Amino acid sequence: MNLLLIIIIVSLLILYYITIVVFNKGLKKVFIPTTSEAINIKVSIVIAAKNEERNVENLITALDNQEYPKELYEVIIVDDNSRDSTLARIKSLLSEQSNIKVISNIDSELPPKKGALTLGIEQAQNDFILITDADCTPLPGWIKSFVNKFRDGHDFLIGLAPFNQQKSSDISAFVCFENLRTTLLTMSAAGLGIPFSCSSRSFGFKKESFYKIDGYKNTLQTLGGDDDLLLQEAVKNKMSIGTVTDLHGLVHSNTPFTFRDYSRQKKRHLKTSHHYLLRNKLLVGYWHLINLFFLFSILLLPFSIYFLAPVVAKLYTDYSIIKKRQAHLAYNFTDPEIPMLQFLYELMVIYNFINSFTRLKKWR
């Protein structure tokens, strides 16, 4: 019996090792320093804003401070029927920014926020589109980083969008850790040629490519999906997907302040994942199942000491990857934090999956 158990555990360790080798291979392909200078192409930045009166000043300041010639980019902010003073606040801030304008989304055929983004893209004057959210802060090199990769001929580009590690938020450390783990998985998959997820906080595409896949018309299965489901359509149509991993091109935003806010945000994203392509569902499912099994093998220790091997392998591997890669997203987790957050992360994978099947409220 012990021999059979040892064979099973060794076989699983070999499978896990192969998985991690492939995972790291994908990461190596995307986290390559960019040294070339950006070519001068014109881009349009489109943002949907709903009830963002407290965030738009920071957004406009960040976009105005981009290290890219102002005559080469325009910003279109679409007010999506805000119930607060978002529209008035934006207008009051645009007295000196000639390349930034605000429009209102009225009677769109598509649901928010897809309708608002579609309107902005329709009015965009340039062939290359960048998307971010109204509560985000793009670093000064954001536009330049995307332009550097557009010249490689990609139809769609996936950027990095880390959260700020806020001490004022009780769940900030966990949300940042989750963002790191999720981003590493999505970037690895993109590096391996099987992209499945991205963030609307830092996303770009050719306007022509957007219309070739009928924009958001095929992404109406769920309220979200203005990022992930659009990417799925691009993959189905065999378009070129690239990644932007320049540290100077990060887009930061604040974490949710309460568990309730976090849970609602996560539910929206995971409901979108129910509509992924089958191969992507299998990829994500396999990744989470093997990680869950290895970590929670610790519960089987009363039956055999051999189950300690998967746990040790998992904790050591996670620690090594996180310590090596966290700087790519400007994170800095301490040695004691990593194993604690890792256990919590895997528990929340289960919770969030179950929670994703409950009812979702409308977008604010």
Protein backbone atom coordinates (compact mmCIF):
# COMPACT_ATOMS: atom_id res chain seq x y z
CA MET A 1 0.00 0.00 0.00
CA ASN A 2 2.82 2.41 0.89
CA LEU A 3 4.59 1.60 -2.36
CA LEU A 4 1.47 2.39 -4.39
CA LEU A 5 1.00 5.66 -2.51
CA ILE A 6 4.62 6.63 -3.11
CA ILE A 7 4.24 5.90 -6.84
CA ILE A 8 1.10 8.04 -7.03
CA ILE A 9 2.66 10.96 -5.15
CA VAL A 10 5.88 10.82 -7.18
CA SER A 11 3.84 10.77 -10.40
CA LEU A 12 1.88 13.81 -9.26
CA LEU A 13 5.09 15.61 -8.31
CA ILE A 14 6.48 14.96 -11.79
CA LEU A 15 3.25 16.29 -13.34
CA TYR A 16 3.40 19.37 -11.11
CA TYR A 17 7.05 19.95 -11.99
CA ILE A 18 6.27 19.77 -15.72
CA THR A 19 3.39 22.21 -15.20
CA ILE A 20 5.63 24.71 -13.42
CA VAL A 21 8.36 24.41 -16.08
CA VAL A 22 5.83 25.21 -18.80
CA PHE A 23 4.35 28.00 -16.68
CA ASN A 24 7.78 29.61 -16.23
CA LYS A 25 8.52 29.22 -19.93
CA GLY A 26 5.47 31.35 -20.68
CA LEU A 27 6.56 34.01 -18.20
CA LYS A 28 10.06 34.21 -19.66
CA LYS A 29 8.57 34.98 -23.08
CA VAL A 30 6.58 37.99 -21.88
CA PHE A 31 8.82 39.53 -19.22
CA ILE A 32 11.49 40.70 -21.61
CA PRO A 33 12.87 44.25 -21.13
CA THR A 34 11.92 46.69 -23.88
CA THR A 35 14.78 48.95 -24.90
CA SER A 36 13.63 50.30 -28.26
CA GLU A 37 12.15 53.76 -28.69
CA ALA A 38 8.49 54.16 -29.53
CA ILE A 39 7.55 55.02 -33.08
CA ASN A 40 5.28 58.00 -33.44
CA ILE A 41 1.78 56.72 -34.11
CA LYS A 42 -1.48 58.36 -33.14
CA VAL A 43 -3.58 56.68 -30.48
CA SER A 44 -7.01 57.26 -28.95
CA ILE A 45 -7.64 56.53 -25.28
CA VAL A 46 -11.24 55.62 -24.49
CA ILE A 47 -12.62 55.50 -20.93
CA ALA A 48 -16.11 54.75 -19.66
CA ALA A 49 -16.91 56.65 -16.46
CA LYS A 50 -19.92 56.05 -14.21
CA ASN A 51 -20.20 57.77 -10.84
CA GLU A 52 -16.49 58.58 -10.74
CA GLU A 53 -16.54 62.18 -9.52
CA ARG A 54 -13.88 61.41 -6.88
CA ASN A 55 -11.50 59.73 -9.33
CA VAL A 56 -11.60 61.70 -12.58
CA GLU A 57 -9.19 64.44 -11.50
CA ASN A 58 -6.47 61.89 -10.75
CA LEU A 59 -7.17 60.13 -14.06
CA ILE A 60 -7.01 63.31 -16.14
CA THR A 61 -3.80 64.41 -14.41
CA ALA A 62 -2.18 61.02 -15.15
CA LEU A 63 -3.23 61.14 -18.81
CA ASP A 64 -2.06 64.72 -19.16
CA ASN A 65 1.37 63.73 -17.77
CA GLN A 66 2.04 60.99 -20.32
CA GLU A 67 5.55 60.96 -21.79
CA TYR A 68 4.18 61.06 -25.31
CA PRO A 69 3.57 64.04 -27.62
CA LYS A 70 0.10 65.46 -26.92
CA GLU A 71 -0.52 65.97 -30.62
CA LEU A 72 -0.24 62.20 -31.07
CA TYR A 73 -2.95 61.11 -28.65
CA GLU A 74 -6.50 62.02 -27.80
CA VAL A 75 -8.56 61.07 -24.75
CA ILE A 76 -12.28 60.40 -24.95
CA ILE A 77 -14.08 60.03 -21.62
CA VAL A 78 -17.63 58.73 -21.96
CA ASP A 79 -19.96 59.57 -19.09
CA ASP A 80 -22.19 56.52 -18.77
CA ASN A 81 -25.32 58.07 -17.25
CA SER A 82 -23.67 58.94 -13.95
CA ARG A 83 -25.96 59.77 -11.06
CA ASP A 84 -23.36 61.99 -9.40
CA SER A 85 -21.49 65.04 -10.75
CA THR A 86 -18.98 63.07 -12.83
CA LEU A 87 -19.84 64.88 -16.07
CA ALA A 88 -19.71 68.36 -14.53
CA ARG A 89 -16.49 67.54 -12.72
CA ILE A 90 -14.78 66.38 -15.91
CA LYS A 91 -15.87 69.47 -17.81
CA SER A 92 -14.48 71.71 -15.07
CA LEU A 93 -11.08 70.00 -15.39
CA LEU A 94 -10.73 70.26 -19.17
CA SER A 95 -10.15 73.96 -19.59
CA GLU A 96 -6.51 73.54 -20.61
CA GLN A 97 -6.40 69.98 -22.03
CA SER A 98 -7.14 70.40 -25.73
CA ASN A 99 -6.61 66.69 -26.48
CA ILE A 100 -9.12 65.45 -23.87
CA LYS A 101 -12.88 65.57 -24.33
CA VAL A 102 -15.96 64.20 -22.61
CA ILE A 103 -19.15 62.91 -24.23
CA SER A 104 -22.34 61.38 -22.84
CA ASN A 105 -23.63 57.91 -23.54
CA ILE A 106 -27.32 58.31 -24.36
CA ASP A 107 -29.67 55.60 -25.67
CA SER A 108 -26.95 53.09 -26.51
CA GLU A 109 -28.09 49.80 -28.07
CA LEU A 110 -25.49 47.95 -25.98
CA PRO A 111 -25.53 47.60 -22.19
CA PRO A 112 -23.15 49.59 -20.02
CA LYS A 113 -20.20 49.72 -19.99
CA LYS A 114 -19.86 48.19 -23.45
CA GLY A 115 -22.21 50.77 -24.93
CA ALA A 116 -20.16 53.63 -23.53
CA LEU A 117 -16.89 52.19 -24.82
CA THR A 118 -18.40 51.52 -28.25
CA LEU A 119 -19.52 55.14 -28.51
CA GLY A 120 -16.05 56.34 -27.58
CA ILE A 121 -14.38 54.02 -30.09
CA GLU A 122 -16.76 55.18 -32.83
CA GLN A 123 -15.74 58.77 -32.22
CA ALA A 124 -12.04 58.00 -31.97
CA GLN A 125 -10.01 59.71 -34.67
CA ASN A 126 -7.03 57.33 -34.57
CA ASP A 127 -6.37 53.75 -35.65
CA PHE A 128 -4.97 52.50 -32.33
CA ILE A 129 -7.17 52.35 -29.24
CA LEU A 130 -6.13 52.16 -25.58
CA ILE A 131 -8.63 51.34 -22.84
CA THR A 132 -8.40 52.03 -19.12
CA ASP A 133 -10.86 52.64 -16.28
CA ALA A 134 -11.83 55.94 -14.68
CA ASP A 135 -10.45 54.94 -11.27
CA CYS A 136 -7.00 54.11 -12.64
CA THR A 137 -3.65 55.88 -12.71
CA PRO A 138 -1.52 55.04 -15.76
CA LEU A 139 2.19 55.68 -15.26
CA PRO A 140 3.77 58.32 -17.54
CA GLY A 141 5.21 55.65 -19.85
CA TRP A 142 1.90 53.85 -20.43
CA ILE A 143 1.17 55.10 -23.96
CA LYS A 144 4.77 54.72 -25.07
CA SER A 145 4.90 51.13 -23.79
CA PHE A 146 1.83 50.16 -25.82
CA VAL A 147 3.06 51.96 -28.92
CA ASN A 148 6.34 50.03 -28.71
CA LYS A 149 4.41 46.76 -28.95
CA PHE A 150 1.86 47.90 -31.55
CA ARG A 151 4.70 48.27 -34.03
CA ASP A 152 5.19 44.49 -33.85
CA GLY A 153 1.89 44.11 -35.68
CA HIS A 154 -0.32 42.85 -32.84
CA ASP A 155 -4.09 43.25 -33.12
CA PHE A 156 -4.68 43.23 -29.35
CA LEU A 157 -2.37 44.03 -26.45
CA ILE A 158 -2.68 42.98 -22.80
CA GLY A 159 -1.12 45.30 -20.21
CA LEU A 160 -0.25 45.03 -16.52
CA ALA A 161 -2.64 46.56 -14.00
CA PRO A 162 -1.48 46.06 -10.39
CA PHE A 163 -3.24 47.42 -7.32
CA ASN A 164 -1.75 49.85 -4.83
CA GLN A 165 -0.83 48.12 -1.57
CA GLN A 166 -2.91 50.25 0.81
CA LYS A 167 -2.44 49.97 4.54
CA SER A 168 -5.80 51.71 5.01
CA SER A 169 -7.66 48.75 3.49
CA ASP A 170 -8.12 45.59 5.56
CA ILE A 171 -7.98 43.32 2.54
CA SER A 172 -5.42 45.21 0.46
CA ALA A 173 -2.59 42.69 0.95
CA PHE A 174 -4.75 39.77 -0.12
CA VAL A 175 -6.25 41.52 -3.17
CA CYS A 176 -2.77 42.53 -4.31
CA PHE A 177 -1.50 38.99 -3.83
CA GLU A 178 -4.45 37.60 -5.77
CA ASN A 179 -3.81 40.12 -8.55
CA LEU A 180 -0.18 39.00 -8.70
CA ARG A 181 -1.09 35.31 -8.90
CA THR A 182 -3.80 35.90 -11.50
CA THR A 183 -1.62 38.18 -13.62
CA LEU A 184 1.25 35.69 -13.66
CA LEU A 185 -1.12 32.98 -14.88
CA THR A 186 -2.71 35.11 -17.60
CA MET A 187 0.66 36.42 -18.78
CA SER A 188 2.16 32.94 -18.85
CA ALA A 189 -0.77 31.70 -20.93
CA ALA A 190 -0.33 34.62 -23.32
CA GLY A 191 3.37 33.84 -23.60
CA LEU A 192 2.51 30.24 -24.49
CA GLY A 193 0.13 31.38 -27.22
CA ILE A 194 -3.09 30.58 -25.34
CA PRO A 195 -4.27 33.95 -23.98
CA PHE A 196 -7.55 33.81 -22.09
CA SER A 197 -7.85 36.88 -19.87
CA CYS A 198 -6.95 40.56 -19.66
CA SER A 199 -7.93 43.66 -17.73
CA SER A 200 -9.83 46.66 -19.07
CA ARG A 201 -7.59 48.74 -16.81
CA SER A 202 -4.79 48.33 -19.37
CA PHE A 203 -5.87 47.04 -22.75
CA GLY A 204 -5.27 48.04 -26.35
CA PHE A 205 -6.22 47.08 -29.89
CA LYS A 206 -6.35 48.23 -33.48
CA LYS A 207 -9.63 49.91 -34.29
CA GLU A 208 -9.80 47.88 -37.51
CA SER A 209 -9.38 44.63 -35.56
CA PHE A 210 -12.12 45.65 -33.11
CA TYR A 211 -14.60 46.06 -35.94
CA LYS A 212 -13.50 42.85 -37.66
CA ILE A 213 -14.84 40.89 -34.68
CA ASP A 214 -18.01 43.04 -34.51
CA GLY A 215 -16.87 44.89 -31.43
CA TYR A 216 -18.81 43.95 -28.30
CA LYS A 217 -21.81 42.48 -30.14
CA ASN A 218 -20.68 38.91 -29.44
CA THR A 219 -19.91 39.54 -25.77
CA LEU A 220 -23.40 40.14 -24.42
CA GLN A 221 -23.73 36.85 -22.51
CA THR A 222 -22.91 38.65 -19.26
CA LEU A 223 -22.78 42.15 -17.81
CA GLY A 224 -18.98 42.14 -17.80
CA GLY A 225 -16.70 40.91 -20.54
CA ASP A 226 -15.68 44.19 -22.10
CA ASP A 227 -12.15 42.84 -21.68
CA ASP A 228 -12.08 39.02 -21.32
CA LEU A 229 -14.89 38.17 -23.74
CA LEU A 230 -13.57 40.63 -26.32
CA LEU A 231 -10.21 38.90 -26.05
CA GLN A 232 -11.94 35.53 -26.49
CA GLU A 233 -13.46 36.82 -29.73
CA ALA A 234 -10.03 37.95 -30.91
CA VAL A 235 -8.62 34.49 -30.16
CA LYS A 236 -11.47 32.77 -32.01
CA ASN A 237 -10.72 34.94 -35.04
CA LYS A 238 -7.02 34.01 -34.89
CA MET A 239 -5.81 37.54 -34.26
CA SER A 240 -2.35 38.38 -32.97
CA ILE A 241 -2.30 38.91 -29.19
CA GLY A 242 0.68 40.62 -27.58
CA THR A 243 1.66 41.65 -24.06
CA VAL A 244 2.95 44.90 -22.57
CA THR A 245 5.11 44.26 -19.51
CA ASP A 246 7.26 47.38 -19.30
CA LEU A 247 7.50 48.57 -15.68
CA HIS A 248 7.12 52.14 -16.93
CA GLY A 249 3.76 51.25 -18.48
CA LEU A 250 1.91 49.95 -15.42
CA VAL A 251 -1.61 51.12 -14.64
CA HIS A 252 -2.34 51.37 -10.91
CA SER A 253 -5.66 51.45 -9.10
CA ASN A 254 -6.83 51.10 -5.52
CA THR A 255 -8.02 47.85 -4.03
CA PRO A 256 -11.58 47.48 -2.71
CA PHE A 257 -11.81 48.70 0.90
CA THR A 258 -14.19 46.02 2.17
CA PHE A 259 -14.67 42.32 1.67
CA ARG A 260 -18.15 43.01 0.27
CA ASP A 261 -16.73 45.29 -2.43
CA TYR A 262 -14.07 42.73 -3.26
CA SER A 263 -16.60 39.89 -3.44
CA ARG A 264 -18.86 41.85 -5.78
CA GLN A 265 -15.96 42.78 -8.06
CA LYS A 266 -14.67 39.22 -8.16
CA LYS A 267 -18.12 37.81 -8.86
CA ARG A 268 -18.48 40.03 -11.92
CA HIS A 269 -15.18 38.81 -13.30
CA LEU A 270 -15.80 35.13 -12.64
CA LYS A 271 -19.25 35.24 -14.19
CA THR A 272 -17.47 36.27 -17.36
CA SER A 273 -15.17 33.23 -17.11
CA HIS A 274 -18.20 30.93 -17.42
CA HIS A 275 -18.30 31.99 -21.06
CA TYR A 276 -14.65 31.30 -21.89
CA LEU A 277 -13.70 28.99 -24.73
CA LEU A 278 -13.67 25.35 -23.63
CA ARG A 279 -9.89 25.02 -23.90
CA ASN A 280 -9.47 28.05 -21.66
CA LYS A 281 -11.88 26.65 -19.08
CA LEU A 282 -9.89 23.41 -19.07
CA LEU A 283 -6.61 25.32 -18.71
CA VAL A 284 -7.82 27.40 -15.76
CA GLY A 285 -9.57 24.42 -14.17
CA TYR A 286 -6.46 22.24 -14.40
CA TRP A 287 -4.24 24.96 -12.93
CA HIS A 288 -6.46 25.55 -9.93
CA LEU A 289 -7.19 21.89 -9.25
CA ILE A 290 -3.54 20.82 -9.19
CA ASN A 291 -2.63 23.78 -6.95
CA LEU A 292 -5.52 23.12 -4.59
CA PHE A 293 -4.67 19.45 -4.30
CA PHE A 294 -0.98 20.06 -3.61
CA LEU A 295 -1.59 22.70 -0.96
CA PHE A 296 -4.41 20.95 0.85
CA SER A 297 -2.64 17.62 0.86
CA ILE A 298 -1.69 18.84 4.31
CA LEU A 299 -5.14 17.63 5.43
CA LEU A 300 -4.13 14.07 4.51
CA LEU A 301 -1.08 13.99 6.77
CA PRO A 302 -2.94 11.95 9.43
CA PHE A 303 -3.18 9.15 6.86
CA SER A 304 0.42 9.28 5.66
CA ILE A 305 3.50 11.43 6.16
CA TYR A 306 4.15 11.12 2.42
CA PHE A 307 1.48 13.74 1.76
CA LEU A 308 3.90 16.30 3.16
CA ALA A 309 5.87 16.15 -0.11
CA PRO A 310 3.22 17.86 -2.30
CA VAL A 311 2.70 20.57 0.33
CA VAL A 312 6.40 21.36 0.60
CA ALA A 313 6.80 21.32 -3.19
CA LYS A 314 3.87 23.69 -3.61
CA LEU A 315 4.93 26.18 -0.90
CA TYR A 316 8.55 26.26 -2.06
CA THR A 317 7.58 26.70 -5.72
CA ASP A 318 5.09 29.47 -4.98
CA TYR A 319 7.58 31.27 -2.76
CA SER A 320 10.29 31.12 -5.43
CA ILE A 321 8.04 32.37 -8.22
CA ILE A 322 6.55 35.19 -6.17
CA LYS A 323 9.92 36.41 -4.89
CA LYS A 324 11.28 36.41 -8.44
CA ARG A 325 8.30 37.97 -10.23
CA GLN A 326 6.57 40.32 -7.77
CA ALA A 327 8.77 43.27 -8.72
CA HIS A 328 7.38 43.10 -12.27
CA LEU A 329 4.10 44.43 -10.83
CA ALA A 330 5.69 46.71 -8.23
CA TYR A 331 4.67 44.46 -5.33
CA ASN A 332 6.73 43.70 -2.26
CA PHE A 333 5.41 40.83 -0.15
CA THR A 334 7.46 39.84 2.87
CA ASP A 335 8.62 36.29 3.55
CA PRO A 336 6.04 35.70 6.34
CA GLU A 337 3.21 37.10 4.20
CA ILE A 338 3.70 34.79 1.23
CA PRO A 339 2.72 31.40 2.75
CA MET A 340 -0.12 32.95 4.75
CA LEU A 341 -1.57 34.70 1.71
CA GLN A 342 -1.05 31.58 -0.38
CA PHE A 343 -3.32 29.50 1.87
CA LEU A 344 -5.90 32.28 1.89
CA TYR A 345 -5.68 32.65 -1.88
CA GLU A 346 -6.45 28.97 -2.52
CA LEU A 347 -9.37 29.07 -0.07
CA MET A 348 -10.78 32.11 -1.84
CA VAL A 349 -10.50 30.34 -5.20
CA ILE A 350 -13.12 27.91 -3.90
CA TYR A 351 -15.28 30.61 -2.32
CA ASN A 352 -15.23 32.87 -5.38
CA PHE A 353 -16.05 30.02 -7.75
CA ILE A 354 -19.15 29.13 -5.74
CA ASN A 355 -20.09 32.79 -5.32
CA SER A 356 -19.90 33.36 -9.07
CA PHE A 357 -23.10 31.35 -9.53
CA THR A 358 -25.15 33.77 -7.40
CA ARG A 359 -27.03 36.77 -8.75
CA LEU A 360 -25.04 39.80 -9.91
CA LYS A 361 -26.23 43.39 -9.53
CA LYS A 362 -26.07 45.88 -12.37
CA TRP A 363 -22.95 47.98 -13.00
CA ARG A 364 -23.35 50.73 -10.38
